[in-house]
Protein backbone atom coordinates (compact mmCIF):
# COMPACT_ATOMS: atom_id res chain seq x y z
CA MET A 1 -2.68 -4.49 -16.05
CA TYR A 2 -1.46 -1.93 -13.66
CA LYS A 3 1.88 -0.24 -13.69
CA LEU A 4 2.13 0.67 -9.93
CA LEU A 5 5.09 2.73 -10.18
CA ASP A 6 3.23 5.11 -12.37
CA ILE A 7 0.22 5.08 -10.21
CA LEU A 8 1.67 5.64 -6.62
CA ASN A 9 3.71 8.46 -5.73
CA PRO A 10 7.53 7.99 -4.70
CA ASN A 11 6.51 8.47 -0.73
CA GLN A 12 3.85 5.94 -1.08
CA ILE A 13 6.35 3.33 -2.83
CA ASN A 14 9.10 3.85 -0.07
CA PHE A 15 6.35 3.48 2.47
CA LEU A 16 5.27 0.27 1.03
CA SER A 17 8.97 -0.91 1.00
CA SER A 18 9.55 0.12 4.51
CA ILE A 19 6.75 -2.26 5.65
CA GLY A 20 7.84 -5.13 3.67
CA ILE A 21 5.94 -4.70 0.48
CA ASP A 22 8.14 -4.10 -2.58
CA ILE A 23 6.94 -2.56 -5.69
CA SER A 24 8.77 -3.42 -8.98
CA ASP A 25 8.86 -2.02 -12.40
CA LYS A 26 6.28 -4.40 -13.97
CA GLU A 27 2.68 -4.25 -14.82
CA TYR A 28 0.55 -6.09 -12.27
CA THR A 29 -2.70 -7.90 -12.79
CA GLY A 30 -5.80 -6.93 -10.90
CA ASP A 31 -5.44 -10.04 -8.42
CA GLU A 32 -1.85 -8.78 -7.55
CA VAL A 33 -3.04 -5.24 -6.95
CA SER A 34 -5.76 -6.93 -4.65
CA ASP A 35 -3.01 -8.84 -2.98
CA ILE A 36 -0.99 -5.79 -2.21
CA TYR A 37 -4.18 -3.77 -1.07
CA PHE A 38 -5.00 -6.89 1.50
CA GLY A 39 -1.33 -6.82 2.50
CA VAL A 40 -1.47 -3.26 3.31
CA MET A 41 -4.59 -3.73 5.27
CA ASP A 42 -2.89 -6.55 7.32
CA LYS A 43 0.04 -4.33 7.94
CA LEU A 44 -2.34 -1.74 9.15
CA SER A 45 -4.31 -3.83 11.78
CA ASP A 46 -0.92 -5.34 12.84
CA ASN A 47 0.68 -1.96 13.59
CA LEU A 48 -2.19 0.11 15.03
CA GLY A 49 -0.75 -0.25 18.51
CA ASP A 50 2.97 0.28 17.45
CA GLU A 51 4.43 2.75 19.79
CA ILE A 52 7.49 3.55 17.56
CA THR A 53 5.33 5.13 14.66
CA SER A 54 2.63 7.27 15.36
CA PRO A 55 -0.68 5.42 14.65
CA ASP A 56 -2.34 8.30 13.24
CA GLU A 57 0.60 8.89 10.65
CA TYR A 58 0.88 5.31 9.86
CA SER A 59 -2.87 4.76 9.32
CA LYS A 60 -2.95 7.96 7.12
CA LYS A 61 -0.30 6.70 4.97
CA CYS A 62 -1.91 3.12 4.77
CA SER A 63 -5.26 4.82 3.92
CA ASP A 64 -3.89 6.86 1.12
CA ILE A 65 -2.54 3.86 -0.48
CA LEU A 66 -5.72 1.89 -0.05
CA SER A 67 -7.55 4.91 -1.40
CA THR A 68 -5.27 4.85 -4.57
CA LEU A 69 -5.26 1.18 -5.16
CA SER A 70 -9.21 0.77 -4.66
CA LYS A 71 -9.42 3.50 -7.41
CA ILE A 72 -7.75 1.35 -10.08
CA THR A 73 -9.25 -2.04 -9.38
CA SER A 74 -12.62 -3.19 -8.18
CA ILE A 75 -11.74 -4.02 -4.52
């Protein structure tokens, strides 16, 4: 079980919320963490061409979150 509010930093949590992935104050299973990981991957691939957000900034934020999540579970 993983408490993502303790693992992710506030900027990462806010970014996830801004792309529609809410993190609550609960313990997540490995499968739930994997679902979040792949949700971020989907958002990254969907928004690479988005002109509103700098693709470099967006992909960096996604990559940072993916890196953090991959350290806590075997993805």
